[in-house]
Amino acid sequence: QVQLVESGGGLVQPGGSLRLSCAASASMFSIFAMGWYRQAPGKQRELVASIDRLGSTNYADSVKGRFTISRDNAKNTVYLQMNSLKPEDTSIYYCNNVQFNWKWGQGTQVTVSS
């Protein structure tokens, strides 16, 4: 059973930055494409950024140019650097395998508000 533990969320003012981390207990972590998802109240969970095993990345249009996903395979960890945050980025953020989701972690709350 793979465990995913997200951290790094918090309250930040518009225009601010946060760096999220996700530690995965999966063996052979490096072969999996990983993604960051978010879910706001009353909305469906959406994929905002992904990174494949070779380091190629993709972003949702809403975060392109502001968010950067990266990974450290030695630490079984994926990161999301979020800059120029907007109130509409307020959500619970989760990470997961993008090809076949493992059991979801608890996520980390990001609140962007003045």
C-alpha atoms as a PDB file:
ATOM      1  CA  GLN A   1       0.000   0.000   0.000  1.00  0.00           C
ATOM      2  CA  VAL A   2       1.610   3.225  -1.177  1.00  0.00           C
ATOM      3  CA  GLN A   3       1.398   6.139   1.227  1.00  0.00           C
ATOM      4  CA  LEU A   4       1.420   9.726   0.017  1.00  0.00           C
ATOM      5  CA  VAL A   5       2.150  12.525   2.468  1.00  0.00           C
ATOM      6  CA  GLU A   6       1.714  16.107   1.290  1.00  0.00           C
ATOM      7  CA  SER A   7       3.045  19.108   3.179  1.00  0.00           C
ATOM      8  CA  GLY A   8       3.940  22.762   2.790  1.00  0.00           C
ATOM      9  CA  GLY A   9       0.545  24.385   2.477  1.00  0.00           C
ATOM     10  CA  GLY A  10      -0.596  27.412   4.396  1.00  0.00           C
ATOM     11  CA  LEU A  11      -2.090  30.874   4.265  1.00  0.00           C
ATOM     12  CA  VAL A  12      -0.411  33.295   1.884  1.00  0.00           C
ATOM     13  CA  GLN A  13      -1.260  36.696   0.481  1.00  0.00           C
ATOM     14  CA  PRO A  14      -1.996  37.165  -3.220  1.00  0.00           C
ATOM     15  CA  GLY A  15       1.261  37.352  -5.129  1.00  0.00           C
ATOM     16  CA  GLY A  16       3.033  35.206  -2.576  1.00  0.00           C
ATOM     17  CA  SER A  17       4.774  31.843  -2.943  1.00  0.00           C
ATOM     18  CA  LEU A  18       4.631  28.397  -1.412  1.00  0.00           C
ATOM     19  CA  ARG A  19       6.524  25.182  -2.001  1.00  0.00           C
ATOM     20  CA  LEU A  20       4.637  21.943  -1.572  1.00  0.00           C
ATOM     21  CA  SER A  21       6.268  18.578  -0.986  1.00  0.00           C
ATOM     22  CA  CYS A  22       4.933  15.063  -1.409  1.00  0.00           C
ATOM     23  CA  ALA A  23       6.708  12.011  -0.071  1.00  0.00           C
ATOM     24  CA  ALA A  24       5.722   8.650  -1.529  1.00  0.00           C
ATOM     25  CA  SER A  25       6.449   5.259  -0.033  1.00  0.00           C
ATOM     26  CA  ALA A  26       6.368   3.541  -3.425  1.00  0.00           C
ATOM     27  CA  SER A  27       9.228   1.312  -4.486  1.00  0.00           C
ATOM     28  CA  MET A  28      10.594   2.120  -7.922  1.00  0.00           C
ATOM     29  CA  PHE A  29       9.173   5.646  -7.494  1.00  0.00           C
ATOM     30  CA  SER A  30      11.350   6.912 -10.306  1.00  0.00           C
ATOM     31  CA  ILE A  31       9.467   5.026 -13.006  1.00  0.00           C
ATOM     32  CA  PHE A  32       6.111   6.652 -12.295  1.00  0.00           C
ATOM     33  CA  ALA A  33       4.772   9.850 -13.752  1.00  0.00           C
ATOM     34  CA  MET A  34       3.624  11.977 -10.835  1.00  0.00           C
ATOM     35  CA  GLY A  35       1.188  14.833 -10.632  1.00  0.00           C
ATOM     36  CA  TRP A  36      -0.158  17.528  -8.397  1.00  0.00           C
ATOM     37  CA  TYR A  37      -3.911  17.834  -8.217  1.00  0.00           C
ATOM     38  CA  ARG A  38      -6.168  20.282  -6.437  1.00  0.00           C
ATOM     39  CA  GLN A  39      -9.759  20.306  -5.325  1.00  0.00           C
ATOM     40  CA  ALA A  40     -11.663  23.371  -4.218  1.00  0.00           C
ATOM     41  CA  PRO A  41     -14.941  23.110  -2.273  1.00  0.00           C
ATOM     42  CA  GLY A  42     -17.772  22.070  -4.544  1.00  0.00           C
ATOM     43  CA  LYS A  43     -15.471  21.435  -7.492  1.00  0.00           C
ATOM     44  CA  GLN A  44     -13.969  18.366  -9.096  1.00  0.00           C
ATOM     45  CA  ARG A  45     -10.384  17.426  -8.484  1.00  0.00           C
ATOM     46  CA  GLU A  46      -8.172  18.694 -11.292  1.00  0.00           C
ATOM     47  CA  LEU A  47      -4.642  17.899 -12.402  1.00  0.00           C
ATOM     48  CA  VAL A  48      -2.548  21.063 -12.367  1.00  0.00           C
ATOM     49  CA  ALA A  49       0.962  19.765 -13.058  1.00  0.00           C
ATOM     50  CA  SER A  50       2.667  16.510 -13.961  1.00  0.00           C
ATOM     51  CA  ILE A  51       6.187  15.223 -14.418  1.00  0.00           C
ATOM     52  CA  ASP A  52       7.157  11.996 -16.132  1.00  0.00           C
ATOM     53  CA  ARG A  53       9.996   9.645 -15.283  1.00  0.00           C
ATOM     54  CA  LEU A  54      12.344  11.555 -17.594  1.00  0.00           C
ATOM     55  CA  GLY A  55      11.505  14.929 -16.084  1.00  0.00           C
ATOM     56  CA  SER A  56       9.229  16.248 -18.804  1.00  0.00           C
ATOM     57  CA  THR A  57       6.527  18.466 -17.373  1.00  0.00           C
ATOM     58  CA  ASN A  58       3.026  19.603 -18.242  1.00  0.00           C
ATOM     59  CA  TYR A  59       0.828  22.259 -16.686  1.00  0.00           C
ATOM     60  CA  ALA A  60      -2.774  23.302 -16.705  1.00  0.00           C
ATOM     61  CA  ASP A  61      -3.277  26.618 -18.467  1.00  0.00           C
ATOM     62  CA  SER A  62      -4.420  28.187 -15.217  1.00  0.00           C
ATOM     63  CA  VAL A  63      -1.012  27.687 -13.564  1.00  0.00           C
ATOM     64  CA  LYS A  64       1.370  27.768 -16.521  1.00  0.00           C
ATOM     65  CA  GLY A  65       4.211  30.195 -15.928  1.00  0.00           C
ATOM     66  CA  ARG A  66       3.515  30.390 -12.190  1.00  0.00           C
ATOM     67  CA  PHE A  67       3.903  26.813 -10.916  1.00  0.00           C
ATOM     68  CA  THR A  68       6.885  24.495 -11.324  1.00  0.00           C
ATOM     69  CA  ILE A  69       6.814  20.776 -10.639  1.00  0.00           C
ATOM     70  CA  SER A  70      10.010  18.852  -9.887  1.00  0.00           C
ATOM     71  CA  ARG A  71      11.055  15.563  -8.386  1.00  0.00           C
ATOM     72  CA  ASP A  72      13.884  14.052  -6.375  1.00  0.00           C
ATOM     73  CA  ASN A  73      13.871  10.325  -7.035  1.00  0.00           C
ATOM     74  CA  ALA A  74      16.517   9.687  -4.378  1.00  0.00           C
ATOM     75  CA  LYS A  75      14.083  11.019  -1.797  1.00  0.00           C
ATOM     76  CA  ASN A  76      10.896   9.610  -3.390  1.00  0.00           C
ATOM     77  CA  THR A  77       9.576  13.170  -3.335  1.00  0.00           C
ATOM     78  CA  VAL A  78       7.804  15.446  -5.765  1.00  0.00           C
ATOM     79  CA  TYR A  79       7.592  19.217  -5.306  1.00  0.00           C
ATOM     80  CA  LEU A  80       5.377  22.035  -6.494  1.00  0.00           C
ATOM     81  CA  GLN A  81       6.793  25.539  -6.411  1.00  0.00           C
ATOM     82  CA  MET A  82       3.912  27.985  -6.585  1.00  0.00           C
ATOM     83  CA  ASN A  83       4.602  31.646  -7.327  1.00  0.00           C
ATOM     84  CA  SER A  84       2.360  34.636  -7.996  1.00  0.00           C
ATOM     85  CA  LEU A  85      -0.442  32.934  -6.132  1.00  0.00           C
ATOM     86  CA  LYS A  86      -4.003  34.058  -6.739  1.00  0.00           C
ATOM     87  CA  PRO A  87      -7.126  33.684  -4.607  1.00  0.00           C
ATOM     88  CA  GLU A  88      -8.457  31.184  -7.149  1.00  0.00           C
ATOM     89  CA  ASP A  89      -5.516  28.900  -6.325  1.00  0.00           C
ATOM     90  CA  THR A  90      -7.116  28.267  -2.937  1.00  0.00           C
ATOM     91  CA  SER A  91      -7.667  24.509  -2.714  1.00  0.00           C
ATOM     92  CA  ILE A  92      -6.529  21.327  -1.085  1.00  0.00           C
ATOM     93  CA  TYR A  93      -3.519  20.070  -3.028  1.00  0.00           C
ATOM     94  CA  TYR A  94      -2.770  16.393  -3.510  1.00  0.00           C
ATOM     95  CA  CYS A  95      -0.103  14.421  -5.312  1.00  0.00           C
ATOM     96  CA  ASN A  96      -0.522  11.047  -6.986  1.00  0.00           C
ATOM     97  CA  ASN A  97       0.613   8.740  -9.723  1.00  0.00           C
ATOM     98  CA  VAL A  98      -1.005  10.086 -12.899  1.00  0.00           C
ATOM     99  CA  GLN A  99      -1.270   6.748 -14.710  1.00  0.00           C
ATOM    100  CA  PHE A 100      -3.200   4.823 -12.086  1.00  0.00           C
ATOM    101  CA  ASN A 101      -3.996   6.671  -8.905  1.00  0.00           C
ATOM    102  CA  TRP A 102      -2.815   5.203  -5.632  1.00  0.00           C
ATOM    103  CA  LYS A 103      -4.831   5.766  -2.479  1.00  0.00           C
ATOM    104  CA  TRP A 104      -5.089   9.508  -1.974  1.00  0.00           C
ATOM    105  CA  GLY A 105      -3.271  11.184   0.864  1.00  0.00           C
ATOM    106  CA  GLN A 106      -4.778  13.825   3.119  1.00  0.00           C
ATOM    107  CA  GLY A 107      -3.568  16.669   0.978  1.00  0.00           C
ATOM    108  CA  THR A 108      -2.332  20.059   2.103  1.00  0.00           C
ATOM    109  CA  GLN A 109      -4.499  23.154   2.303  1.00  0.00           C
ATOM    110  CA  VAL A 110      -3.440  26.243   0.375  1.00  0.00           C
ATOM    111  CA  THR A 111      -5.322  29.440   1.115  1.00  0.00           C
ATOM    112  CA  VAL A 112      -4.574  32.618  -0.818  1.00  0.00           C
ATOM    113  CA  SER A 113      -6.174  35.606   0.831  1.00  0.00           C
ATOM    114  CA  SER A 114      -5.373  39.093   1.982  1.00  0.00           C
END
